[in-house]
Protein backbone atom coordinates (compact mmCIF):
# COMPACT_ATOMS: atom_id res chain seq x y z
CA MET A 1 -11.15 -7.73 -2.80
CA PRO A 2 -13.32 -6.34 -5.59
CA THR A 3 -13.17 -8.27 -8.83
CA GLU A 4 -14.40 -5.61 -11.26
CA THR A 5 -11.66 -3.53 -12.86
CA GLU A 6 -12.02 -0.13 -14.42
CA GLU A 7 -10.03 3.00 -15.08
CA GLU A 8 -9.86 5.80 -12.56
CA LEU A 9 -12.61 8.38 -12.40
CA PRO A 10 -12.91 10.73 -15.40
CA THR A 11 -10.98 13.97 -15.56
CA PRO A 12 -12.40 16.35 -12.97
CA THR A 13 -13.82 19.61 -14.20
CA PRO A 14 -13.37 22.95 -12.47
CA GLU A 15 -16.06 23.55 -9.91
CA PRO A 16 -17.85 26.91 -10.01
CA SER A 17 -16.95 27.65 -6.38
CA ILE A 18 -13.24 27.99 -7.13
CA SER A 19 -12.19 31.62 -6.76
CA GLU A 20 -11.21 33.13 -10.09
CA GLU A 21 -11.54 36.84 -9.44
CA GLY A 22 -8.82 37.26 -6.86
CA ASN A 23 -5.27 38.24 -7.63
CA PHE A 24 -2.80 36.21 -5.61
CA HIS A 25 -0.17 38.90 -5.21
CA SER A 26 -2.66 41.53 -4.05
CA GLN A 27 -3.70 39.25 -1.18
CA TYR A 28 -0.43 37.52 -0.23
CA GLN A 29 3.22 38.51 0.01
CA VAL A 30 5.70 35.80 -0.91
CA LEU A 31 8.52 35.35 1.63
CA GLY A 32 10.39 32.35 0.27
CA THR A 33 10.28 28.93 -1.34
CA ILE A 34 9.50 25.88 0.79
CA GLY A 35 9.65 23.17 -1.84
CA GLN A 36 9.94 22.47 -5.55
CA GLY A 37 8.41 19.61 -7.52
CA GLY A 38 7.93 18.54 -11.11
CA ASN A 39 4.66 20.37 -11.69
CA ALA A 40 4.43 22.55 -8.59
CA LYS A 41 6.26 24.64 -6.06
CA VAL A 42 5.38 25.52 -2.48
CA LEU A 43 5.86 29.06 -1.29
CA LEU A 44 6.03 30.60 2.17
CA ALA A 45 3.82 33.67 2.24
CA HIS A 46 1.70 35.78 4.55
CA HIS A 47 -1.77 37.21 4.17
CA ARG A 48 -1.33 40.94 3.63
CA LEU A 49 -4.47 41.95 5.47
CA THR A 50 -3.97 39.92 8.67
CA GLY A 51 -0.27 39.00 8.57
CA THR A 52 -1.06 35.28 8.93
CA PRO A 53 1.70 32.98 7.55
CA VAL A 54 0.55 30.38 5.03
CA ALA A 55 1.91 27.74 2.68
CA VAL A 56 0.97 28.22 -0.97
CA LYS A 57 1.13 25.36 -3.42
CA VAL A 58 1.36 26.64 -6.99
CA LEU A 59 0.14 24.13 -9.57
CA ARG A 60 0.69 24.43 -13.31
CA LYS A 61 -2.37 24.18 -15.56
CA ASP A 62 -0.73 23.38 -18.87
CA LYS A 63 -2.01 20.43 -20.91
CA GLN A 64 0.24 17.84 -19.27
CA TRP A 65 -0.60 18.81 -15.68
CA PHE A 66 -4.19 20.05 -15.96
CA GLN A 67 -5.87 16.86 -14.73
CA PRO A 68 -3.59 16.33 -11.66
CA ALA A 69 -3.87 20.01 -10.73
CA MET A 70 -7.66 20.00 -10.88
CA MET A 71 -7.83 16.64 -9.09
CA GLU A 72 -5.71 17.86 -6.18
CA ALA A 73 -7.63 21.14 -5.88
CA ASN A 74 -11.01 19.39 -5.88
CA ILE A 75 -9.86 16.72 -3.42
CA MET A 76 -8.47 19.26 -0.96
CA ARG A 77 -11.77 21.13 -1.01
CA LYS A 78 -13.59 18.00 0.17
CA ILE A 79 -11.34 17.28 3.15
CA ASN A 80 -11.98 18.46 6.69
CA HIS A 81 -10.05 16.48 9.29
CA PRO A 82 -7.89 17.56 12.24
CA ASN A 83 -5.01 15.31 11.13
CA ILE A 84 -4.94 16.55 7.52
CA VAL A 85 -3.52 19.87 6.35
CA SER A 86 -6.36 22.35 5.80
CA LEU A 87 -7.10 24.12 2.54
CA ILE A 88 -7.99 27.78 3.10
CA GLN A 89 -8.37 29.35 -0.33
CA VAL A 90 -8.15 28.50 -4.02
CA ILE A 91 -7.15 31.12 -6.58
CA GLU A 92 -7.38 29.95 -10.15
CA LYS A 93 -5.70 31.89 -12.94
CA GLU A 94 -5.24 31.12 -16.61
CA THR A 95 -2.01 29.14 -16.23
CA ARG A 96 -1.82 28.37 -12.50
CA ILE A 97 -3.80 27.31 -9.48
CA TYR A 98 -2.82 28.65 -6.07
CA LEU A 99 -3.77 26.42 -3.13
CA ILE A 100 -3.46 28.47 0.06
CA MET A 101 -3.05 26.06 2.97
CA GLU A 102 -2.34 26.26 6.66
CA LEU A 103 1.32 26.39 7.58
CA VAL A 104 2.00 23.17 9.48
CA GLU A 105 4.29 23.35 12.49
CA GLY A 106 6.76 20.63 13.43
CA GLN A 107 8.92 18.27 11.44
CA GLU A 108 8.59 15.33 9.10
CA LEU A 109 8.02 11.96 10.73
CA TYR A 110 11.12 10.75 8.89
CA GLN A 111 13.30 13.31 10.63
CA TYR A 112 11.63 12.58 13.97
CA ILE A 113 12.47 8.87 13.66
CA ARG A 114 15.98 9.61 12.44
CA GLU A 115 16.73 11.75 15.49
CA SER A 116 15.42 9.20 17.99
CA GLY A 117 16.52 5.98 16.28
CA HIS A 118 13.07 4.46 16.69
CA ILE A 119 9.83 5.25 18.51
CA GLU A 120 8.70 3.34 21.58
CA GLU A 121 5.49 1.37 21.22
CA ASP A 122 3.22 3.55 23.37
CA GLU A 123 4.27 6.70 21.55
CA ALA A 124 4.02 4.94 18.19
CA ARG A 125 0.43 3.99 19.04
CA GLN A 126 -0.39 7.62 19.80
CA ILE A 127 1.02 8.75 16.46
CA PHE A 128 -0.29 5.90 14.34
CA GLU A 129 -3.88 6.16 15.51
CA GLN A 130 -3.93 9.74 14.17
CA ILE A 131 -2.55 8.56 10.83
CA LEU A 132 -5.11 5.76 10.72
CA SER A 133 -7.91 8.16 11.57
CA ALA A 134 -6.93 10.43 8.67
CA VAL A 135 -6.68 7.49 6.26
CA SER A 136 -10.06 6.11 7.34
CA TYR A 137 -11.62 9.52 6.84
CA CYS A 138 -10.21 9.83 3.31
CA HIS A 139 -11.34 6.34 2.34
CA GLY A 140 -14.81 7.16 3.61
CA LYS A 141 -14.80 10.16 1.26
CA GLY A 142 -13.72 8.01 -1.69
CA ILE A 143 -10.17 9.41 -1.66
CA VAL A 144 -6.85 7.55 -1.58
CA HIS A 145 -3.62 9.37 -0.77
CA GLN A 146 -1.21 6.91 -2.48
CA ASP A 147 1.97 8.49 -1.10
CA LEU A 148 1.76 8.29 2.70
CA LYS A 149 5.49 8.04 3.22
CA LEU A 150 7.34 9.44 6.23
CA ASP A 151 8.07 12.72 4.44
CA ASN A 152 4.36 13.42 4.00
CA ILE A 153 3.45 13.05 7.66
CA MET A 154 4.21 16.02 9.91
CA ILE A 155 4.40 15.85 13.70
CA ASP A 156 4.62 18.76 16.11
CA LYS A 157 6.03 19.05 19.63
CA ASN A 158 2.71 17.89 21.10
CA LYS A 159 2.74 14.73 18.96
CA LYS A 160 -0.07 16.12 16.80
CA VAL A 161 -0.01 14.60 13.31
CA LYS A 162 -0.83 16.27 10.00
CA VAL A 163 -0.92 14.40 6.68
CA ILE A 164 0.25 16.60 3.81
CA ASP A 165 0.82 16.54 0.03
CA PHE A 166 -2.17 15.14 -1.85
CA GLY A 167 -0.38 15.62 -5.17
CA LEU A 168 -0.68 11.92 -6.11
CA SER A 169 -4.09 11.34 -4.52
CA THR A 170 -7.11 10.32 -6.53
CA GLN A 171 -10.76 9.47 -6.11
CA PHE A 172 -12.10 5.94 -6.33
CA GLN A 173 -15.42 4.16 -6.43
CA PRO A 174 -16.11 1.07 -4.28
CA GLY A 175 -15.63 -2.06 -6.35
CA LYS A 176 -13.52 -0.31 -8.97
CA MET A 177 -9.81 -0.94 -9.45
CA LEU A 178 -7.11 1.63 -10.18
CA ASN A 179 -4.29 1.27 -12.68
CA HIS A 180 -2.28 4.49 -12.36
CA HIS A 181 0.91 3.28 -10.70
CA CYS A 182 2.39 6.11 -8.66
CA GLY A 183 3.96 6.65 -5.27
CA THR A 184 7.28 5.80 -3.64
CA TYR A 185 9.08 2.57 -4.50
CA SER A 186 10.20 1.66 -0.98
CA PHE A 187 6.62 2.07 0.29
CA GLY A 188 4.94 0.47 -2.72
CA SER A 189 2.65 -2.54 -2.32
CA PRO A 190 3.32 -5.83 -4.15
CA GLU A 191 0.44 -5.31 -6.56
CA LEU A 192 1.65 -1.81 -7.36
CA LEU A 193 5.24 -2.88 -8.06
CA LEU A 194 4.01 -5.78 -10.19
CA GLY A 195 2.02 -3.41 -12.36
CA HIS A 196 -1.35 -4.99 -11.54
CA ARG A 197 -4.61 -3.14 -11.26
CA TYR A 198 -5.06 -2.50 -7.58
CA ASP A 199 -7.53 -1.63 -4.85
CA GLY A 200 -6.73 1.95 -3.81
CA PRO A 201 -7.60 1.69 -0.09
CA LYS A 202 -5.76 -1.63 0.32
CA ASN A 203 -2.69 -0.04 -1.28
CA ASP A 204 -2.85 2.78 1.29
CA MET A 205 -3.08 0.20 4.09
CA TRP A 206 0.15 -1.45 2.91
CA ILE A 207 1.88 1.94 2.88
CA ILE A 208 0.89 2.82 6.45
CA GLY A 209 1.99 -0.67 7.47
CA VAL A 210 5.47 0.24 6.21
CA VAL A 211 5.20 3.54 8.12
CA LEU A 212 4.28 1.76 11.37
CA TYR A 213 7.18 -0.68 10.95
CA CYS A 214 9.59 2.23 10.40
CA MET A 215 8.37 3.93 13.55
CA VAL A 216 8.94 1.00 15.92
CA VAL A 217 12.00 -0.53 14.23
CA GLY A 218 13.85 2.48 12.84
CA LYS A 219 14.37 1.13 9.32
CA LEU A 220 12.41 0.13 6.27
CA PRO A 221 11.11 -3.46 6.16
CA PHE A 222 12.01 -3.73 2.48
CA ASP A 223 15.21 -1.90 1.68
CA SER A 224 17.25 -1.73 -1.51
CA VAL A 225 18.35 1.01 -3.90
CA ILE A 226 18.07 -1.51 -6.75
CA ILE A 227 14.49 -1.56 -7.96
CA GLN A 228 14.52 -5.22 -9.05
CA GLU A 229 15.86 -6.29 -5.67
CA LEU A 230 13.26 -4.19 -3.88
CA GLN A 231 10.53 -5.82 -5.97
CA ARG A 232 11.74 -9.29 -4.99
CA GLN A 233 11.70 -8.40 -1.29
CA VAL A 234 8.24 -6.82 -1.39
CA VAL A 235 6.56 -9.56 -3.44
CA ALA A 236 8.07 -12.21 -1.17
CA GLY A 237 6.72 -10.36 1.84
CA VAL A 238 9.49 -11.42 4.23
CA TYR A 239 10.93 -8.82 6.59
CA PRO A 240 12.95 -8.79 9.84
CA ALA A 241 10.64 -9.24 12.82
CA PRO A 242 10.52 -6.26 15.19
CA CYS A 243 12.17 -7.00 18.52
CA GLY A 244 10.80 -6.07 21.92
CA VAL A 245 7.26 -5.19 20.83
CA SER A 246 3.96 -6.66 21.93
CA LYS A 247 2.31 -9.61 20.21
CA GLU A 248 -0.62 -7.36 19.34
CA LEU A 249 1.65 -5.00 17.43
CA GLU A 250 3.34 -7.88 15.62
CA ASP A 251 -0.08 -9.16 14.63
CA LEU A 252 -1.20 -5.76 13.32
CA LEU A 253 1.98 -5.39 11.26
CA SER A 254 1.54 -8.87 9.79
CA LYS A 255 -2.01 -7.98 8.74
CA LEU A 256 -1.09 -4.64 7.19
CA LEU A 257 1.88 -6.14 5.33
CA ARG A 258 0.01 -9.08 3.81
CA VAL A 259 1.15 -9.68 0.26
CA ASN A 260 -2.36 -10.59 -0.85
CA PRO A 261 -4.44 -7.40 -0.57
CA ASN A 262 -7.59 -9.48 0.01
CA PHE A 263 -6.37 -10.22 3.54
CA ARG A 264 -5.36 -6.69 4.52
CA PRO A 265 -7.82 -4.97 6.84
CA THR A 266 -9.68 -1.82 5.94
CA ALA A 267 -8.81 1.30 7.90
CA ARG A 268 -12.06 1.05 9.84
CA LYS A 269 -11.37 -2.57 10.77
CA ALA A 270 -7.78 -1.80 11.74
CA MET A 271 -9.08 0.75 14.25
CA LYS A 272 -10.70 -2.13 16.15
CA HIS A 273 -7.49 -4.16 16.40
CA PRO A 274 -6.55 -5.33 19.92
CA TRP A 275 -3.33 -3.29 19.78
CA PHE A 276 -5.38 -0.14 20.35
CA LYS A 277 -7.65 -1.61 23.06
CA GLU A 278 -8.85 1.14 25.35
CA HIS A 279 -5.86 3.25 24.32
CA TRP A 280 -7.63 4.52 21.19
CA ASN A 281 -7.65 8.31 21.20
CA GLY A 282 -8.05 8.85 17.47
CA LEU A 283 -11.07 10.59 16.06
CA ILE A 284 -13.79 8.59 14.34
CA GLY A 285 -16.09 11.52 13.48
CA PRO A 286 -18.05 13.53 12.80
CA TYR A 287 -15.42 16.26 12.71
CA GLU A 288 -15.83 19.88 13.67
CA GLU A 289 -16.05 22.11 10.62
CA LEU A 290 -13.06 24.27 9.75
CA LEU A 291 -15.38 27.27 9.60
CA PRO A 292 -18.95 27.73 10.87
CA LEU A 293 -21.85 27.98 8.45
CA THR A 294 -23.05 31.06 10.35
CA PRO A 295 -20.37 33.75 10.82
CA ASP A 296 -19.46 35.25 14.17
CA PRO A 297 -20.98 38.74 14.45
CA ALA A 298 -17.74 40.33 15.75
CA ILE A 299 -15.67 39.01 12.87
CA LEU A 300 -18.38 39.88 10.37
CA ASP A 301 -18.51 43.45 11.67
CA ALA A 302 -14.74 43.76 11.34
CA MET A 303 -14.86 42.53 7.76
CA LYS A 304 -17.68 44.95 6.93
CA SER A 305 -15.62 47.84 8.30
CA ILE A 306 -12.85 47.20 5.77
CA GLY A 307 -15.05 46.84 2.73
CA PHE A 308 -16.35 43.26 2.65
CA GLN A 309 -20.06 42.78 2.06
CA ALA A 310 -21.80 40.83 4.81
CA SER A 311 -24.05 38.97 2.37
CA VAL A 312 -21.08 37.81 0.29
CA VAL A 313 -19.20 36.63 3.41
CA LYS A 314 -22.21 34.67 4.62
CA HIS A 315 -22.74 33.09 1.21
CA SER A 316 -19.05 32.20 0.88
CA LEU A 317 -19.05 30.42 4.24
CA LYS A 318 -22.31 28.61 3.61
CA GLN A 319 -21.31 27.42 0.14
CA ARG A 320 -17.65 26.79 1.04
CA LYS A 321 -16.37 28.97 -1.80
CA TYR A 322 -12.70 28.91 -0.70
CA ASN A 323 -12.42 32.49 -1.92
CA GLU A 324 -11.01 35.71 -0.46
CA GLU A 325 -13.96 36.25 1.87
CA MET A 326 -13.77 32.74 3.29
CA ALA A 327 -9.99 32.94 3.72
CA THR A 328 -10.09 36.32 5.45
CA TYR A 329 -12.76 35.08 7.84
CA PHE A 330 -10.60 32.02 8.62
CA PHE A 331 -7.54 34.14 9.40
CA LEU A 332 -9.47 36.54 11.63
CA GLN A 333 -11.12 33.67 13.48
CA LYS A 334 -7.74 32.02 14.01
CA GLN A 335 -6.28 35.29 15.33
CA ALA A 336 -9.20 35.74 17.70
CA LEU A 337 -8.84 32.22 19.07
CA GLN A 338 -5.09 32.67 19.56
CA GLY A 339 -5.33 36.20 20.97
CA ASP A 340 -5.55 37.38 24.53
CA GLY A 341 -9.16 38.44 24.23
CA CYS A 342 -8.52 42.14 23.74
CA THR A 343 -10.90 43.79 21.31
CA ALA A 344 -9.40 46.09 18.70
CA GLN A 345 -10.89 48.11 15.89
CA ALA A 346 -10.04 47.15 12.33
CA GLN A 347 -8.31 49.79 10.27
CA GLN A 348 -10.19 51.28 7.34
CA VAL A 349 -7.76 49.77 4.84
CA ARG A 350 -8.04 47.16 2.16
CA PRO A 351 -5.00 46.04 0.18
CA VAL A 352 -4.61 47.11 -3.42
CA ALA A 353 -2.25 46.14 -6.18
CA ALA A 354 1.37 47.06 -5.55
CA PRO A 355 4.82 45.97 -6.74
CA PHE A 356 5.33 42.34 -5.77
CA PRO A 357 8.24 39.93 -6.04
CA SER A 358 8.35 37.78 -9.14
CA LEU A 359 7.07 34.23 -8.71
CA ASP A 360 9.87 32.53 -10.60
CA PRO A 361 13.34 33.91 -9.70
CA ALA A 362 14.59 32.38 -6.46
CA ALA A 363 16.30 35.60 -5.44
CA ALA A 364 12.97 37.39 -5.39
CA PHE A 365 11.89 35.36 -2.37
CA ARG A 366 14.55 36.79 -0.08
CA LEU A 367 12.74 40.04 0.56
CA GLU A 368 11.89 40.88 4.14
CA PRO A 369 8.16 41.15 4.85
CA LYS A 370 6.82 44.66 5.05
CA ARG A 371 4.85 43.74 8.16
CA SER A 372 5.58 41.18 10.80
CA GLY A 373 3.16 38.31 11.19
CA SER A 374 2.49 39.55 14.72
CA LEU A 375 1.54 43.04 13.47
CA PRO A 376 -1.40 42.55 11.12
CA VAL A 377 -3.47 45.31 9.55
CA LEU A 378 -6.38 44.15 11.69
CA GLY A 379 -6.21 44.11 15.46
CA THR A 380 -7.06 41.13 17.63
CA LEU A 381 -10.77 40.39 17.77
CA ARG A 382 -12.92 38.81 20.45
CA VAL A 383 -15.04 35.93 19.23
CA SER A 384 -18.50 35.33 20.61
CA SER A 385 -18.79 32.97 23.55
CA SER A 386 -20.62 30.49 21.35
CA HIS A 387 -17.33 29.72 19.67
CA GLY A 388 -15.39 29.29 22.87
CA HIS A 389 -11.62 29.53 23.12
CA VAL A 390 -10.74 26.08 21.88
CA SER A 391 -9.19 25.65 18.46
CA HIS A 392 -11.00 23.75 15.73
CA TYR A 393 -8.58 20.89 16.15
CA GLY A 394 -9.55 20.10 19.70
CA GLN A 395 -6.53 21.73 21.31
CA ASN A 396 -6.40 24.70 23.63
CA ALA A 397 -5.74 27.93 21.80
CA HIS A 398 -2.19 29.22 22.10
CA PRO A 399 -1.71 32.41 24.08
CA LYS A 400 -0.88 35.59 22.25
CA GLY A 401 2.74 35.71 21.29
CA GLY A 402 2.91 31.92 21.23
CA LYS A 403 5.37 30.20 18.96
CA ARG A 404 4.53 30.07 15.29
CA SER A 405 6.63 28.13 12.92
CA THR A 406 8.06 30.13 10.04
CA VAL A 407 11.00 27.91 9.25
CA ALA A 408 10.54 27.11 5.59
CA GLY A 409 12.79 24.09 5.52
CA ARG A 410 10.64 22.14 7.96
CA LEU A 411 7.21 22.92 6.53
CA ARG A 412 6.69 20.92 3.38
CA PRO A 413 3.26 20.42 1.86
CA LEU A 414 5.14 19.19 -1.22
CA GLN A 415 8.00 16.71 -1.56
CA MET A 416 11.08 18.86 -2.02
CA THR A 417 14.11 17.93 -4.02
CA PRO A 418 15.17 14.79 -2.16
CA ALA A 419 17.80 15.24 0.49
CA GLN A 420 21.06 13.55 -0.36
CA ASP A 421 20.88 10.81 2.23
CA HIS A 422 20.39 7.08 1.90
CA TYR A 423 16.71 7.02 2.80
CA HIS A 424 15.79 9.52 0.12
CA LYS A 425 17.70 7.60 -2.52
CA CYS A 426 14.86 5.07 -2.53
CA ALA A 427 12.04 7.21 -1.14
CA VAL A 428 11.42 9.63 -3.99
CA SER A 429 7.82 9.98 -5.12
CA VAL A 430 7.16 9.35 -8.79
CA SER A 431 3.97 10.10 -10.68
CA CYS A 432 4.25 6.85 -12.62
CA ILE A 433 6.01 3.72 -11.34
CA GLN A 434 7.55 1.74 -14.18
CA THR A 435 7.62 -1.97 -13.47
CA THR A 436 10.50 -4.01 -14.85
CA SER A 437 10.40 -7.24 -16.77
CA ILE A 438 11.71 -9.53 -14.02
CA PHE A 439 8.18 -10.56 -13.04
CA THR A 440 6.44 -10.10 -16.36
CA GLU A 441 6.41 -13.64 -17.69
CA LYS A 442 5.56 -15.35 -14.42
CA SER A 443 3.18 -12.97 -12.75
CA SER A 444 1.70 -10.45 -15.15
CA ASN A 445 -1.47 -12.49 -15.65
CA LYS A 446 -1.63 -14.23 -12.27
CA GLU A 447 -2.89 -13.33 -8.84
CA ILE A 448 -0.27 -12.46 -6.24
CA ASN A 449 0.81 -15.59 -4.43
CA GLU A 450 1.86 -15.22 -0.83
CA ASP A 451 3.84 -18.43 -1.00
CA ASN A 452 6.47 -16.99 -3.35
CA PRO A 453 9.98 -17.95 -2.20
CA LEU A 454 12.27 -15.15 -1.16
CA SER A 455 14.75 -14.69 -3.97
CA HIS A 456 16.93 -12.17 -2.20
CA ARG A 457 16.47 -11.85 1.53
CA ALA A 458 16.78 -8.47 3.16
CA PRO A 459 20.17 -8.09 4.92
CA LEU A 460 20.26 -8.83 8.64
CA GLU A 461 23.02 -6.45 9.65
CA ASP A 462 22.15 -3.53 11.89
CA LYS A 463 21.83 -0.20 10.14
CA PRO A 464 19.83 3.01 10.53
CA ILE A 465 16.74 3.83 8.56
CA PRO A 466 18.47 5.09 5.39
CA SER A 467 19.06 2.53 2.64
CA ARG A 468 22.55 1.55 1.65
CA VAL A 469 24.01 3.35 -1.33
CA ARG A 470 27.35 3.06 -3.08
CA HIS A 471 29.58 6.06 -2.54
CA ARG A 472 31.62 7.17 -5.50
CA GLY A 473 34.98 8.90 -5.68
CA PHE A 474 37.79 9.11 -3.16
CA LYS A 475 35.51 10.22 -0.32
CA GLY A 476 33.24 7.30 -1.04
CA TRP A 477 36.14 4.86 -0.81
CA THR A 478 37.23 6.31 2.52
CA ARG A 479 33.71 5.96 3.89
CA ASN A 480 33.50 2.35 2.75
CA ILE A 481 36.87 1.55 4.32
CA ALA A 482 35.81 3.19 7.59
CA HIS A 483 32.58 1.22 7.66
CA ALA A 484 34.47 -2.00 7.05
CA LEU A 485 36.88 -1.27 9.90
CA VAL A 486 33.98 -0.63 12.28
CA LYS A 487 32.49 -4.02 11.43
CA LEU A 488 35.80 -5.85 11.81
CA CYS A 489 37.09 -4.20 14.96
CA CYS A 490 34.90 -5.16 17.92
CA CYS A 491 36.65 -2.74 20.27
CA MET A 492 35.63 0.35 18.33
CA PRO A 493 32.45 2.12 19.53
CA ARG A 494 29.48 1.82 17.23
CA ARG A 495 26.57 4.11 16.64
CA LYS A 496 23.29 3.50 18.37
CA LYS A 497 21.70 0.40 16.94
CA PRO A 498 18.24 0.58 15.50
CA HIS A 499 15.51 -1.44 17.14
CA LEU A 500 15.91 -4.63 15.12
CA GLY A 501 14.94 -8.21 15.58
CA GLN A 502 16.75 -11.30 14.39
CA ASN A 503 13.75 -13.31 13.32
CA ARG A 504 11.92 -12.97 10.05
CA ILE A 505 8.25 -12.67 9.32
CA SER A 506 7.04 -14.92 6.55
CA PRO A 507 3.99 -14.10 4.46
CA GLN A 508 0.68 -15.45 5.67
CA LYS A 509 -2.61 -16.06 3.98
């Protein structure tokens, strides 16, 4: 554990490669709203020229949100990993920044666990190694996510994982401590909830330890809607032992959920844990670039035929400008890889300004697209054989007409307004975690002690992943009465039990 403490890195400044000339609405048509946050919203849109669906995160640039907006934009530009959502284009205007990102298929890991009750160990290993690979990559780049909760991990039908929402991420320097306390309470590390300066990567490792526990058990290891109670549970570090899992998995969980961050493994070290053995399928790197430094001649010719300058396209790709040229090339390359190989001529058309829906009124997002995503302005292109027909994420390209996700409610690069269920009552991300005074006198100036007694033990009764919450009103009373009757009457059928153990794990040094 580093001993030197300092503030986070200084406020990032706009980089010259951020696209400023492009007009968002001339390039993209907004179809709906995916999510809404405090300083941002996420829109569902499609690229007017190619018809490709995208997710657009709109960040405010006013005085209060300028630093987080620039930090997120600059961090996303540095990331290239198959298990992390890809940034495609950045459009910076006077008051807003538009981050155009790939539209991730699938569902949140939270919903996936909720539907299945819990995840079997072999499947959990397959999912977790992808999460760990993404975290290790970020830490190697000097980036910490800080909010790797279940809502910010997407999983598709092929068990492919994508980490999303870097809204609370920040950069760190080895040996330097962070003191901006943000994230989600129920996933927060002891040092974070105590208000201590903390090691960013070790905080991330605690969070993914909570994620792994949730996957194999089906509930949170530390669970309370009362913040003070949650703090007591986390700092004590005692949680119900998972039942029916291997000793190797128990050992990995105990290492990730160590109260003292000095004893938590790094992401790189965790990859070598015996639980993975020869099963490891995660990527270690280097990773294939999102786009080639040298453009494909067929795509370049198509772009030239509709008005793009070849020299500008080449320069944009080489310098990673994240501008209109780079984005258009990305969309055409993606279409070519997903197509059936038929060559088509590009139309001699380039989009111009036209009436567009307003960004703010919700009703404006209900317009039907003028062109289907399967009917772009440009026809399907054939890429050169040097690029092959394998996607940049190591999977076989989908055949033409393959399923594309356009369901806004299940594609969330930003935490939406929390769903009104128990889990989300204590799993809401906050930009600044306020610690209470219950630990102030005893622990504010001391190191975290793993021998702290458990003041309030986590309940042992079986329950699904959502936290308990008090229901109010007449309906709430009826629910409480019904729950009580289920517990008292042994002959009544009960819901499927989560995968719980009866033993407890005590903190170790």
